[in-house]
Amino acid sequence: MPVRIRTAENDWQWLQPTSEWQSTTLGEYDKDAFQVDTTHMYIATDEM
């Protein structure tokens, strides 16, 4: 199931899972704005 993340005020991206390990470049993102969309996605997160 894809996961939607926010990397800036109005910048949402989709992460597409696969059976292989992946990485992505988020560029310059606002760490305070970073968020996983738990409102529209059934996912639990923990802050690290």
C-alpha atoms as a PDB file:
ATOM      1  CA  MET A   1       0.000   0.000   0.000  1.00  0.00           C
ATOM      2  CA  PRO A   2       1.430   3.416  -0.901  1.00  0.00           C
ATOM      3  CA  VAL A   3       2.188   5.883   1.876  1.00  0.00           C
ATOM      4  CA  ARG A   4       1.664   9.625   1.512  1.00  0.00           C
ATOM      5  CA  ILE A   5       4.197  11.951   3.166  1.00  0.00           C
ATOM      6  CA  ARG A   6       4.481  15.716   3.474  1.00  0.00           C
ATOM      7  CA  THR A   7       7.930  17.245   3.040  1.00  0.00           C
ATOM      8  CA  ALA A   8       6.933  20.921   3.095  1.00  0.00           C
ATOM      9  CA  GLU A   9       3.904  23.112   3.784  1.00  0.00           C
ATOM     10  CA  ASN A  10       1.971  22.057   0.659  1.00  0.00           C
ATOM     11  CA  ASP A  11       4.245  19.408  -0.860  1.00  0.00           C
ATOM     12  CA  TRP A  12       2.906  15.843  -0.604  1.00  0.00           C
ATOM     13  CA  GLN A  13       4.660  12.822  -2.127  1.00  0.00           C
ATOM     14  CA  TRP A  14       3.725   9.170  -2.487  1.00  0.00           C
ATOM     15  CA  LEU A  15       6.091   6.391  -1.437  1.00  0.00           C
ATOM     16  CA  GLN A  16       5.399   3.172  -3.349  1.00  0.00           C
ATOM     17  CA  PRO A  17       6.432  -0.012  -1.505  1.00  0.00           C
ATOM     18  CA  THR A  18       7.953  -2.956  -3.358  1.00  0.00           C
ATOM     19  CA  SER A  19       9.479  -6.266  -2.343  1.00  0.00           C
ATOM     20  CA  GLU A  20      12.957  -4.756  -2.817  1.00  0.00           C
ATOM     21  CA  TRP A  21      14.717  -2.237  -0.556  1.00  0.00           C
ATOM     22  CA  GLN A  22      14.453   1.321  -1.920  1.00  0.00           C
ATOM     23  CA  SER A  23      15.703   4.787  -1.161  1.00  0.00           C
ATOM     24  CA  THR A  24      14.524   8.188  -2.293  1.00  0.00           C
ATOM     25  CA  THR A  25      15.829  11.729  -2.288  1.00  0.00           C
ATOM     26  CA  LEU A  26      13.657  14.206  -0.458  1.00  0.00           C
ATOM     27  CA  GLY A  27      15.801  17.151  -1.471  1.00  0.00           C
ATOM     28  CA  GLU A  28      15.743  20.066   0.919  1.00  0.00           C
ATOM     29  CA  TYR A  29      12.765  19.450   3.124  1.00  0.00           C
ATOM     30  CA  ASP A  30      11.525  21.112   6.269  1.00  0.00           C
ATOM     31  CA  LYS A  31      12.070  18.563   9.034  1.00  0.00           C
ATOM     32  CA  ASP A  32       9.412  20.310  11.136  1.00  0.00           C
ATOM     33  CA  ALA A  33       6.875  19.969   8.310  1.00  0.00           C
ATOM     34  CA  PHE A  34       7.685  16.301   7.581  1.00  0.00           C
ATOM     35  CA  GLN A  35       4.603  14.209   8.262  1.00  0.00           C
ATOM     36  CA  VAL A  36       3.069  10.876   7.310  1.00  0.00           C
ATOM     37  CA  ASP A  37      -0.576  11.271   6.264  1.00  0.00           C
ATOM     38  CA  THR A  38      -2.299   9.401   9.092  1.00  0.00           C
ATOM     39  CA  THR A  39      -5.582  11.216   8.400  1.00  0.00           C
ATOM     40  CA  HIS A  40      -6.210   9.534   5.047  1.00  0.00           C
ATOM     41  CA  MET A  41      -4.029   6.453   5.480  1.00  0.00           C
ATOM     42  CA  TYR A  42      -4.388   3.616   7.978  1.00  0.00           C
ATOM     43  CA  ILE A  43      -0.870   3.717   9.401  1.00  0.00           C
ATOM     44  CA  ALA A  44       0.718   4.144  12.804  1.00  0.00           C
ATOM     45  CA  THR A  45       3.920   6.156  13.270  1.00  0.00           C
ATOM     46  CA  ASP A  46       6.385   6.813  16.073  1.00  0.00           C
ATOM     47  CA  GLU A  47       8.594   9.867  16.342  1.00  0.00           C
ATOM     48  CA  MET A  48      12.317   9.101  16.394  1.00  0.00           C
END
